[in-house]
Amino acid sequence: MERPSTIWAYGSADCKNPEAAVLLGDLLLSYDASIRGYYGEKGVDWDDADEGALGINGEPALYKPLVPWQEVEPQNQHVVQQVISMRDSAFRLGETSDADVDLWSSEGLETYLYKVTAEYKPFTHDEMVVPPIKFTDEESEDLAVLRVEVANAIKEGVIGFITGARDVDNDYAAFLAELDNKGLARLVEMHQMQYDAQYGAQ
């Protein structure tokens, strides 16, 4: 499986060997390093897929887990995703999935999620995905504070509606006003301004 070359280096201005840093980045984004860091040792924790085996997406599978993946109990097989890796959809969906797997079992969970997600694909609009937006250091600091305030307000509001402490019919307008008071309107405004500046007003 081909992986894209990365063009980055940690602390590039101070890096004494930027070529080595880029090579390390390429290594970490390779299929071999990604699967080693995520699953563990080949032949022990995972192995190449059997010939003819299909992945979660119905395409030829890339690999098959030999032991259930877990991140709770202490183990020395992998680094529990705590490393740069390249686990794109081809990687994630390349895990072997038996055609007759019970979708309601733990083994069939990922296949079930994939199938259900695919049903919603006709309703998505990829052209409406917001592209990356750059902010100045000062703007980023302001955004960091606003995001925390808004996120906390959303969590509290959602919990209130779920538990019945708030009523959707009677309290929803007040909830939206509360989000604006916490900075939601300003968040939207800052993103819109930078989007228009970088990509042109639509």
Foldseek 3Di string as FASTA:
>chain_A
DDFDQDQDAVVVVPDPCSVVRSVVVRVQADPVNQCQQQQFDEPPQKHADDPPFAFLVRHAAGIETPDDGDDPDDDDGHNNPPGDYHCDPCNVRNYGDDPPDDCPDPSNVVSVVVVVVVVCVVVDDPVPDQDDFDDDPVVVVVVVQLVVQLVVLVVVVVVCCVVVVDPCVPCVVVSVVVSVVSPPVVNVVVRQVRSCVVPNDD
